[in-house]
Protein backbone atom coordinates (compact mmCIF):
# COMPACT_ATOMS: atom_id res chain seq x y z
CA MET A 1 -39.01 12.87 3.76
CA ALA A 2 -40.56 12.87 6.77
CA LEU A 3 -43.31 13.17 6.39
CA GLY A 4 -50.42 11.64 5.61
CA LEU A 5 -53.73 8.85 5.26
CA PHE A 6 -53.47 12.36 4.15
CA MET A 7 -50.13 11.72 2.09
CA VAL A 8 -47.45 14.09 3.61
CA ARG A 9 -45.23 12.54 1.17
CA GLY A 10 -45.83 12.51 -2.50
CA MET A 11 -45.70 8.64 -2.68
CA LYS A 12 -48.17 8.19 0.23
CA PRO A 13 -51.43 6.66 -1.38
CA SER A 14 -54.28 7.96 0.39
CA LEU A 15 -56.12 5.94 2.99
CA LEU A 16 -59.25 7.94 2.31
CA ALA A 17 -60.23 5.28 0.03
CA ALA A 18 -59.68 2.57 2.57
CA LEU A 19 -61.50 4.66 5.28
CA ALA A 20 -64.48 5.14 2.86
CA LEU A 21 -64.81 1.26 3.22
CA ILE A 22 -65.81 1.44 6.77
CA ALA A 23 -69.37 2.15 8.44
CA THR A 24 -71.24 0.94 11.27
CA PRO A 25 -70.15 0.52 14.92
CA ALA A 26 -67.19 -1.74 15.77
CA PHE A 27 -67.31 -5.38 16.48
CA ALA A 28 -66.57 -7.00 19.87
CA GLN A 29 -63.46 -5.49 21.35
CA ASP A 30 -61.10 -8.58 21.35
CA LEU A 31 -59.71 -9.81 18.15
CA THR A 32 -61.05 -13.48 17.73
CA PRO A 33 -58.37 -16.00 16.80
CA THR A 34 -59.67 -16.03 13.17
CA GLU A 35 -59.20 -12.30 13.13
CA SER A 36 -55.64 -12.59 14.47
CA ALA A 37 -54.91 -14.96 11.92
CA LYS A 38 -56.31 -12.68 9.29
CA VAL A 39 -53.97 -9.99 10.44
CA ASP A 40 -51.02 -12.34 10.01
CA THR A 41 -52.11 -13.12 6.50
CA ILE A 42 -52.56 -9.47 5.53
CA VAL A 43 -49.15 -8.47 6.78
CA THR A 44 -47.28 -11.32 5.30
CA ASP A 45 -49.01 -11.07 1.97
CA ALA A 46 -48.03 -7.41 1.79
CA LEU A 47 -44.41 -8.04 2.68
CA THR A 48 -44.10 -10.99 0.33
CA LYS A 49 -45.69 -9.12 -2.83
CA SER A 50 -43.96 -5.68 -1.93
CA GLY A 51 -40.42 -6.88 -0.90
CA VAL A 52 -40.69 -4.75 2.23
CA PRO A 53 -38.51 -6.50 4.90
CA SER A 54 -40.46 -6.10 8.13
CA ALA A 55 -43.56 -4.45 9.69
CA SER A 56 -44.71 -3.78 13.20
CA VAL A 57 -48.59 -3.43 13.97
CA ALA A 58 -50.45 -2.41 16.89
CA ILE A 59 -54.29 -2.50 16.90
CA VAL A 60 -56.58 -0.79 19.35
CA ARG A 61 -60.30 -1.81 19.78
CA GLY A 62 -62.57 -0.86 22.55
CA GLY A 63 -60.02 1.57 23.82
CA ARG A 64 -57.30 -0.68 24.60
CA ILE A 65 -54.39 -2.42 22.70
CA VAL A 66 -55.66 -5.78 21.77
CA PHE A 67 -52.90 -6.91 19.24
CA ALA A 68 -49.12 -6.04 18.84
CA LYS A 69 -46.76 -8.06 16.71
CA ALA A 70 -43.55 -7.50 14.47
CA TYR A 71 -43.00 -9.49 11.30
CA GLY A 72 -40.07 -10.18 8.95
CA LYS A 73 -36.53 -8.86 9.09
CA GLN A 74 -35.97 -5.76 11.24
CA SER A 75 -32.20 -5.43 10.32
CA GLU A 76 -29.31 -7.43 9.17
CA THR A 77 -28.25 -7.94 12.74
CA ILE A 78 -31.63 -8.52 14.45
CA ALA A 79 -32.36 -12.46 14.33
CA VAL A 80 -36.06 -12.33 15.44
CA ALA A 81 -38.62 -9.35 14.94
CA THR A 82 -40.17 -8.27 18.29
CA PRO A 83 -42.84 -5.44 18.46
CA GLU A 84 -40.99 -3.60 21.37
CA ARG A 85 -38.27 -2.21 18.88
CA PRO A 86 -38.82 1.48 18.01
CA TYR A 87 -39.12 2.35 14.31
CA GLN A 88 -38.46 5.89 13.07
CA ILE A 89 -42.08 7.56 12.87
CA ALA A 90 -41.00 10.67 11.02
CA SER A 91 -43.95 13.13 10.44
CA ILE A 92 -46.37 11.52 12.79
CA SER A 93 -43.95 13.22 15.21
CA LYS A 94 -45.70 16.42 14.29
CA GLN A 95 -48.87 15.99 16.37
CA PHE A 96 -46.38 15.89 19.25
CA THR A 97 -44.86 19.10 18.29
CA ALA A 98 -48.34 20.58 18.10
CA ALA A 99 -49.31 19.17 21.43
CA ALA A 100 -46.21 20.72 23.10
CA LEU A 101 -47.11 24.27 21.73
CA LEU A 102 -50.75 23.61 23.03
CA MET A 103 -49.67 22.65 26.44
CA LEU A 104 -47.02 25.66 26.40
CA GLU A 105 -50.29 27.86 25.54
CA ASP A 106 -51.92 26.48 28.56
CA GLU A 107 -48.92 27.32 30.73
CA GLY A 108 -49.32 31.04 29.68
CA LYS A 109 -45.76 30.93 27.88
CA LEU A 110 -47.13 31.61 24.42
CA SER A 111 -50.02 32.13 22.11
CA LEU A 112 -50.76 30.13 19.00
CA ASP A 113 -51.85 33.34 17.48
CA ASP A 114 -48.11 34.93 18.21
CA THR A 115 -46.39 35.97 15.11
CA VAL A 116 -43.20 33.99 14.23
CA ALA A 117 -41.06 37.32 14.42
CA LYS A 118 -41.91 37.55 18.11
CA TRP A 119 -39.84 34.35 18.76
CA ILE A 120 -37.42 33.87 15.77
CA PRO A 121 -35.83 36.69 13.86
CA ASP A 122 -35.28 37.02 10.32
CA ILE A 123 -38.03 34.60 8.86
CA THR A 124 -39.53 35.79 5.54
CA ASP A 125 -42.51 37.84 6.46
CA GLY A 126 -42.22 36.55 9.94
CA ASP A 127 -44.53 39.29 11.35
CA LYS A 128 -47.48 38.03 9.10
CA ILE A 129 -47.03 34.21 10.14
CA SER A 130 -48.76 32.72 13.23
CA ILE A 131 -47.68 29.85 15.18
CA ARG A 132 -51.17 28.31 14.29
CA GLN A 133 -50.30 28.61 10.52
CA LEU A 134 -46.95 26.88 11.04
CA LEU A 135 -48.85 23.93 12.64
CA SER A 136 -51.63 23.92 9.97
CA HIS A 137 -49.26 24.30 6.99
CA THR A 138 -50.97 27.36 5.95
CA SER A 139 -47.70 29.57 6.62
CA GLY A 140 -46.31 29.76 3.09
CA LEU A 141 -43.08 28.63 4.20
CA GLN A 142 -41.39 26.30 1.43
CA ASP A 143 -40.96 22.68 2.34
CA TYR A 144 -37.30 21.80 2.51
CA TRP A 145 -37.74 18.10 1.99
CA PRO A 146 -40.52 17.28 -0.71
CA GLN A 147 -38.49 14.43 -2.06
CA ASP A 148 -38.80 10.82 -1.28
CA TYR A 149 -35.11 10.34 -1.16
CA SER A 150 -32.18 11.82 0.61
CA PHE A 151 -30.69 14.57 -1.51
CA ALA A 152 -27.10 15.48 -1.59
CA LEU A 153 -27.05 18.05 1.26
CA MET A 154 -28.53 15.38 3.66
CA ALA A 155 -25.14 13.61 3.76
CA LYS A 156 -23.83 16.26 6.01
CA PRO A 157 -25.38 17.03 9.55
CA THR A 158 -27.48 20.26 9.92
CA THR A 159 -29.27 22.18 12.68
CA PRO A 160 -32.74 23.70 12.95
CA GLN A 161 -30.97 27.26 12.35
CA GLY A 162 -29.19 25.65 9.33
CA ILE A 163 -32.60 24.62 7.82
CA VAL A 164 -34.10 28.04 8.70
CA ASP A 165 -31.30 29.74 7.05
CA ARG A 166 -31.39 27.94 4.07
CA TRP A 167 -35.24 27.72 3.41
CA ALA A 168 -37.16 29.91 5.80
CA LYS A 169 -35.60 33.08 4.48
CA LYS A 170 -36.83 32.29 0.92
CA PRO A 171 -39.63 34.23 -0.53
CA LEU A 172 -43.12 32.60 0.56
CA ASP A 173 -44.79 30.32 -1.68
CA PHE A 174 -48.14 32.09 -0.75
CA GLN A 175 -49.48 34.69 1.55
CA PRO A 176 -49.98 33.06 5.00
CA GLY A 177 -53.44 31.75 5.52
CA THR A 178 -54.40 31.83 1.70
CA ALA A 179 -53.50 28.14 0.87
CA TRP A 180 -52.37 24.92 2.09
CA GLN A 181 -49.06 23.28 1.30
CA TYR A 182 -47.13 20.65 3.48
CA SER A 183 -44.20 22.40 5.11
CA ASN A 184 -41.62 20.33 7.26
CA THR A 185 -39.78 23.92 7.39
CA GLY A 186 -42.85 25.43 9.22
CA TYR A 187 -42.66 22.68 11.94
CA VAL A 188 -38.67 23.27 12.36
CA VAL A 189 -39.56 26.79 13.03
CA ALA A 190 -42.33 25.82 15.53
CA GLY A 191 -40.00 23.54 17.29
CA MET A 192 -37.63 26.38 17.73
CA ILE A 193 -40.25 28.44 19.27
CA ALA A 194 -41.53 25.57 21.51
CA GLU A 195 -37.88 25.22 22.96
CA LYS A 196 -37.60 28.95 23.27
CA ALA A 197 -40.90 28.92 25.38
CA ALA A 198 -40.16 25.93 27.38
CA GLY A 199 -36.68 26.75 28.15
CA LYS A 200 -35.39 23.20 27.44
CA PRO A 201 -35.21 20.92 24.34
CA LEU A 202 -38.33 20.01 22.70
CA LEU A 203 -37.75 16.25 23.19
CA ALA A 204 -36.92 16.88 26.83
CA TYR A 205 -40.27 18.79 27.32
CA LEU A 206 -42.25 15.94 25.59
CA GLN A 207 -40.54 13.27 27.76
CA GLU A 208 -41.73 15.08 30.83
CA LYS A 209 -45.15 16.16 29.82
CA VAL A 210 -46.31 13.44 27.48
CA PHE A 211 -44.18 10.37 27.37
CA LYS A 212 -43.22 9.42 30.95
CA PRO A 213 -46.79 10.05 31.99
CA LEU A 214 -48.11 7.66 29.28
CA GLY A 215 -45.36 5.15 29.76
CA ILE A 216 -44.11 5.70 26.22
CA LYS A 217 -40.31 4.99 25.36
CA ALA A 218 -39.46 7.67 22.71
CA ILE A 219 -36.01 8.52 21.50
CA ASP A 220 -34.48 10.77 18.81
CA GLN A 221 -34.53 9.05 15.53
CA ASP A 222 -30.96 10.14 15.00
CA LEU A 223 -30.02 7.91 17.88
CA ALA A 224 -32.08 4.95 16.95
CA VAL A 225 -29.53 3.39 14.64
CA GLY A 226 -27.08 0.43 15.22
CA LYS A 227 -27.36 -3.27 15.74
CA ASN A 228 -30.28 -3.13 18.16
CA TYR A 229 -32.64 -0.94 16.19
CA PRO A 230 -34.54 -1.75 13.07
CA GLN A 231 -32.58 -0.74 9.89
CA GLY A 232 -34.05 1.02 6.79
CA TYR A 233 -34.12 -0.37 3.36
CA GLN A 234 -34.52 1.08 -0.09
CA ARG A 235 -35.21 -0.33 -3.73
CA PHE A 236 -34.49 1.27 -6.96
CA ALA A 237 -37.79 0.52 -9.06
CA LEU A 238 -38.28 -3.43 -8.82
CA GLY A 239 -34.38 -4.05 -8.31
CA PRO A 240 -32.93 -5.57 -5.11
CA VAL A 241 -33.90 -4.54 -1.61
CA ARG A 242 -30.92 -2.63 -0.39
CA VAL A 243 -29.79 -1.37 3.09
CA GLU A 244 -30.26 2.33 2.85
CA LYS A 245 -27.68 4.65 4.49
CA PRO A 246 -29.43 7.04 7.17
CA ALA A 247 -29.30 10.79 6.46
CA ALA A 248 -26.89 12.60 8.63
CA ARG A 249 -28.00 14.12 11.94
CA GLY A 250 -30.43 16.99 12.41
CA TRP A 251 -32.73 16.71 9.55
CA LEU A 252 -35.99 16.24 10.97
CA PHE A 253 -36.07 17.81 14.40
CA ALA A 254 -39.68 19.07 15.28
CA ALA A 255 -40.90 17.97 11.79
CA GLY A 256 -40.24 14.20 12.60
CA GLU A 257 -37.57 13.43 15.07
CA LEU A 258 -39.13 10.56 17.00
CA SER A 259 -38.55 6.71 17.17
CA MET A 260 -41.05 4.55 19.15
CA SER A 261 -42.69 1.15 18.89
CA ALA A 262 -46.20 0.76 17.48
CA SER A 263 -47.64 -0.10 20.78
CA ASP A 264 -46.11 3.16 22.21
CA LEU A 265 -47.81 5.02 19.72
CA ALA A 266 -51.03 3.42 20.42
CA LYS A 267 -51.00 4.50 23.99
CA TRP A 268 -51.14 8.10 22.56
CA ASP A 269 -54.13 7.19 20.50
CA ILE A 270 -55.98 5.88 23.44
CA ALA A 271 -55.08 9.19 25.20
CA ARG A 272 -56.62 11.05 22.22
CA MET A 273 -59.69 8.78 22.28
CA ASN A 274 -60.12 9.16 26.17
CA ARG A 275 -59.21 12.91 26.19
CA THR A 276 -56.87 12.25 28.80
CA LEU A 277 -53.38 13.75 29.50
CA LEU A 278 -54.28 16.96 27.67
CA PRO A 279 -57.32 19.17 28.31
CA ALA A 280 -60.32 18.03 26.13
CA ASP A 281 -60.01 21.55 24.29
CA ASP A 282 -56.47 20.91 23.25
CA TRP A 283 -57.37 17.77 21.63
CA GLN A 284 -60.48 19.54 20.07
CA ALA A 285 -58.09 22.18 18.72
CA GLN A 286 -55.76 19.71 17.37
CA GLU A 287 -58.39 17.95 15.32
CA THR A 288 -60.21 20.94 14.20
CA THR A 289 -59.55 21.49 10.57
CA VAL A 290 -58.18 25.06 9.49
CA LYS A 291 -59.93 27.07 6.91
CA LEU A 292 -58.10 29.45 4.57
CA THR A 293 -58.96 33.03 4.02
CA SER A 294 -61.11 32.11 1.12
CA GLY A 295 -63.22 29.78 3.56
CA LYS A 296 -62.01 26.65 1.94
CA ASP A 297 -61.37 23.80 4.53
CA THR A 298 -57.90 22.37 4.32
CA GLY A 299 -58.83 18.83 6.03
CA TYR A 300 -55.86 19.53 8.24
CA GLY A 301 -55.88 20.46 11.79
CA LEU A 302 -52.62 20.91 14.04
CA GLY A 303 -50.22 18.31 13.17
CA VAL A 304 -53.04 15.81 12.07
CA THR A 305 -55.48 15.22 9.25
CA ALA A 306 -59.09 15.04 10.48
CA GLY A 307 -62.45 14.18 8.88
CA THR A 308 -65.18 11.76 8.32
CA ASN A 309 -66.19 9.01 5.86
CA ASP A 310 -69.55 7.65 5.73
CA GLY A 311 -70.29 9.37 9.09
CA ARG A 312 -67.16 7.90 10.93
CA ARG A 313 -64.59 10.35 12.26
CA PHE A 314 -60.97 9.83 11.87
CA VAL A 315 -57.68 11.44 12.90
CA GLU A 316 -54.70 10.50 10.81
CA HIS A 317 -51.03 11.02 9.79
CA SER A 318 -48.50 9.33 8.02
CA GLY A 319 -44.64 9.58 8.29
CA GLU A 320 -41.56 8.76 6.11
CA ALA A 321 -37.99 8.68 7.25
CA VAL A 322 -35.02 7.56 5.28
CA GLY A 323 -35.74 3.82 5.08
CA PHE A 324 -39.03 3.85 7.02
CA LEU A 325 -42.67 4.68 6.41
CA SER A 326 -45.43 4.83 9.03
CA GLU A 327 -49.31 5.01 9.26
CA ASN A 328 -51.27 5.95 12.14
CA VAL A 329 -55.20 6.10 11.93
CA VAL A 330 -57.48 6.83 14.84
CA PHE A 331 -61.33 6.27 14.90
CA PRO A 332 -62.12 8.25 18.17
CA ASP A 333 -65.82 7.68 18.46
CA ASP A 334 -65.28 3.89 17.92
CA LYS A 335 -62.31 3.80 20.45
CA ALA A 336 -60.27 2.11 17.70
CA ALA A 337 -56.96 2.69 15.96
CA VAL A 338 -54.47 0.97 13.59
CA VAL A 339 -50.59 1.63 13.76
CA VAL A 340 -48.37 0.27 11.07
CA PHE A 341 -44.55 0.84 10.68
CA VAL A 342 -42.44 -0.65 7.87
CA ASN A 343 -38.52 -0.43 7.48
CA ALA A 344 -38.77 0.43 3.90
CA ASP A 345 -39.38 3.76 1.94
CA PHE A 346 -40.65 2.00 -0.93
CA SER A 347 -44.04 0.45 -1.74
CA ASP A 348 -47.40 1.42 -0.26
CA ALA A 349 -47.46 -1.82 1.72
CA TYR A 350 -48.04 0.04 5.03
CA THR A 351 -51.10 1.79 3.87
CA SER A 352 -52.50 -1.33 2.33
CA ILE A 353 -52.00 -3.13 5.56
CA THR A 354 -53.58 -0.36 7.55
CA GLY A 355 -56.66 -0.22 5.28
CA GLN A 356 -57.08 -4.00 5.19
CA ILE A 357 -56.81 -4.27 9.02
CA ALA A 358 -59.26 -1.19 9.32
CA LYS A 359 -61.75 -3.16 7.20
CA LEU A 360 -61.28 -6.29 9.41
CA ILE A 361 -62.01 -4.49 12.77
CA LEU A 362 -64.68 -2.32 11.36
CA PRO A 363 -67.42 -3.23 9.15
CA PRO A 364 -67.29 -2.31 5.41
CA ALA A 365 -69.11 0.17 3.19
CA ALA A 366 -69.02 1.17 -0.63
CA THR A 367 -65.79 2.05 -2.41
CA PRO A 368 -65.80 5.69 -3.70
CA PRO A 369 -65.19 6.56 -7.27
CA VAL A 370 -61.66 7.26 -8.61
CA ALA A 371 -60.97 10.73 -10.13
CA ALA A 372 -60.35 10.98 -13.88
CA ASP A 373 -56.99 11.87 -15.37
CA THR A 374 -57.31 15.49 -16.49
CA GLU A 375 -53.69 16.13 -17.45
CA ALA A 376 -53.05 14.14 -20.56
CA SER A 377 -49.86 16.18 -21.64
CA PHE A 378 -48.15 15.61 -18.28
CA THR A 379 -49.14 11.97 -18.16
CA ALA A 380 -47.67 11.71 -21.80
CA HIS A 381 -44.40 13.06 -20.88
CA ALA A 382 -44.17 10.89 -17.53
CA ARG A 383 -44.82 7.81 -19.64
CA VAL A 384 -41.85 8.68 -21.92
CA VAL A 385 -39.57 9.15 -18.92
CA PHE A 386 -40.82 5.92 -17.71
CA ASP A 387 -39.95 4.18 -21.05
CA GLN A 388 -36.37 5.74 -20.74
CA LEU A 389 -35.87 4.27 -17.21
CA ARG A 390 -36.81 0.82 -18.22
CA THR A 391 -34.80 0.87 -21.49
CA GLY A 392 -31.61 2.50 -19.91
CA THR A 393 -31.85 5.81 -22.01
CA LEU A 394 -32.44 8.33 -19.44
CA ASP A 395 -32.36 12.01 -20.69
CA ARG A 396 -30.68 13.71 -17.69
CA LYS A 397 -31.66 17.18 -19.02
CA VAL A 398 -35.34 16.53 -18.00
CA MET A 399 -34.05 15.97 -14.45
CA THR A 400 -33.12 18.39 -11.75
CA ASP A 401 -29.32 18.25 -10.10
CA ASP A 402 -30.98 16.54 -6.93
CA GLN A 403 -32.59 13.92 -9.01
CA ASN A 404 -29.62 13.27 -11.20
CA TYR A 405 -27.75 12.71 -7.79
CA TYR A 406 -30.25 10.16 -6.91
CA PHE A 407 -29.98 8.34 -10.23
CA THR A 408 -26.57 6.90 -9.72
CA ASP A 409 -25.18 4.01 -12.22
CA VAL A 410 -26.36 1.40 -9.81
CA ALA A 411 -29.98 3.09 -9.38
CA LEU A 412 -30.16 3.30 -13.09
CA GLY A 413 -28.98 -0.27 -13.51
CA ASP A 414 -31.65 -1.56 -11.10
CA TYR A 415 -34.33 0.40 -12.97
CA ARG A 416 -33.34 -0.91 -16.38
CA ASP A 417 -32.84 -4.52 -15.33
CA SER A 418 -36.00 -4.81 -13.29
CA LEU A 419 -38.48 -2.80 -15.33
CA GLY A 420 -37.15 -4.00 -18.81
CA LYS A 421 -37.90 -7.60 -18.32
CA LEU A 422 -41.72 -6.60 -17.58
CA GLY A 423 -42.20 -5.62 -21.22
CA ASP A 424 -44.48 -3.01 -22.51
CA PRO A 425 -47.13 -1.67 -19.73
CA THR A 426 -50.91 -1.74 -20.94
CA GLY A 427 -51.74 1.24 -18.91
CA PHE A 428 -50.36 4.43 -17.39
CA ALA A 429 -52.72 6.85 -15.66
CA LEU A 430 -52.71 9.62 -13.22
CA LYS A 431 -53.85 8.39 -9.73
CA ARG A 432 -55.23 11.69 -8.30
CA PRO A 433 -55.12 15.39 -9.24
CA ALA A 434 -51.96 17.22 -9.05
CA ARG A 435 -50.75 19.18 -5.95
CA LEU A 436 -48.23 21.62 -4.91
CA ARG A 437 -45.31 20.52 -2.45
CA GLY A 438 -41.97 22.44 -1.72
CA GLY A 439 -42.11 24.56 -4.70
CA PHE A 440 -42.97 21.51 -7.03
CA VAL A 441 -46.02 19.95 -8.49
CA ASN A 442 -46.57 16.24 -7.15
CA ARG A 443 -48.14 13.82 -9.68
CA ASN A 444 -48.57 10.09 -8.94
CA TYR A 445 -49.33 7.63 -11.79
CA THR A 446 -50.38 3.90 -11.74
CA VAL A 447 -48.84 1.66 -14.29
CA THR A 448 -50.50 -1.58 -15.36
CA TYR A 449 -49.50 -4.82 -17.10
CA ALA A 450 -51.36 -7.50 -19.05
CA ASP A 451 -50.57 -10.08 -16.17
CA GLY A 452 -52.19 -7.86 -13.61
CA ARG A 453 -49.07 -6.42 -12.15
CA LYS A 454 -49.27 -2.87 -11.06
CA LEU A 455 -46.59 -0.09 -10.27
CA THR A 456 -46.73 3.20 -8.82
CA VAL A 457 -44.70 6.31 -10.17
CA VAL A 458 -44.19 9.30 -7.76
CA THR A 459 -43.21 12.52 -9.27
CA TYR A 460 -42.44 16.04 -8.34
CA ALA A 461 -41.73 18.66 -11.22
CA GLU A 462 -40.75 22.17 -11.42
CA THR A 463 -43.97 24.35 -12.17
CA GLY A 464 -44.63 24.92 -15.77
CA ALA A 465 -45.46 22.98 -19.04
CA ASN A 466 -41.48 22.12 -19.27
CA GLY A 467 -40.70 21.83 -15.72
CA ARG A 468 -37.81 19.18 -14.77
CA TYR A 469 -38.39 16.30 -12.60
CA GLU A 470 -36.98 16.73 -9.03
CA GLN A 471 -38.14 13.19 -8.36
CA PHE A 472 -39.10 10.32 -10.62
CA LEU A 473 -39.45 7.08 -8.59
CA VAL A 474 -40.96 3.74 -9.46
CA MET A 475 -42.31 1.10 -6.89
CA PRO A 476 -44.35 -1.72 -6.66
CA ALA A 477 -47.97 -1.10 -6.11
CA GLU A 478 -49.88 -3.04 -3.34
């Protein structure tokens, strides 16, 4: 779970639609009292509607932080939410891992075109995979965490080598450079290479080269637990919001190990806008999208999604840890950015908040069309499973072992009790085209009701017409 506006996790609703609402130059730099009040309304409404306990928001306009505020309940022991507290940013960390490797290349300690085999032994086809392909998700290494929940193995601690031994020695999902598929595994391997080249832990290198120079307080997310830190929450369908047990240590590493405040991440965004700290060509290299051997553009650079909507450039990434979701979108040419962290791994409140704030601080344009549903048979089957969950009649044979591990008696009870009382849906439709992730096919659906209520269903299924579900999660749609 670590892990884009680009939907690095299956549940992430794309912010491309939100970004397409933005055009023309930015407003005056400072937020007016009316704009600040509107931000308050956007956030509090989203938290109320979704059940997400808290959010922390930072806004950059005119190249400086003009707003930073926390809302709601950050944990069971924190009395008042404050913006200084660090949230787990998960896959947003990937751009820092990529930056470390770019800096190590500047120091002459490696080349991004080095093969993996030069640095780490026994990786499948490591002599054919480059560091650059690890960072751009074009290596073919299978993702070890495509699910939006903690699977059984995550109850026990692991190490980068443990992840490599279990996932990076499998057959590749595709030949390096021929396809794009999000892979946390590739970033774990990249982090191991960075540590070998630097001669020190990755986080120590980043503290020295990035965080201390920028005044950022960043810590390992495995240490950001306890009474003084925001606590993660989960929800089974529309059941009660429950405290979520963190994964055991070691499961994110270079794929998403960082915790920091929204304002501290905004400092990094400002460095990106101003081309400071890193050489300008490093920033450009990170934001240049990679093309496949076929010539197709992936839309992904080195640790970030990059592109344009209505002529406006954006650089973006989201993140998901156990109990946390985060979004960071930067508009470099406009010297603007929006950072939103929440302490729940359900609901699209975090992307809804981000999109609405972006619309507030930058003028709007037209909404793009929504892609049509082209997979009627898969949609029909997903509707059957949804009906089973809301009536308490789940056929476990259509689920993998991991998803059956997730669906405890408590989880199934919450699904039945919360969904059953809503009655029959009036609509069940595919939200966007299917895509591969971690050896599974990700499909997201929108469920609608006569009263206007909407739900989101996020699925991962084995390939093939009769593939079992590795994930079938239901959550409120913002």
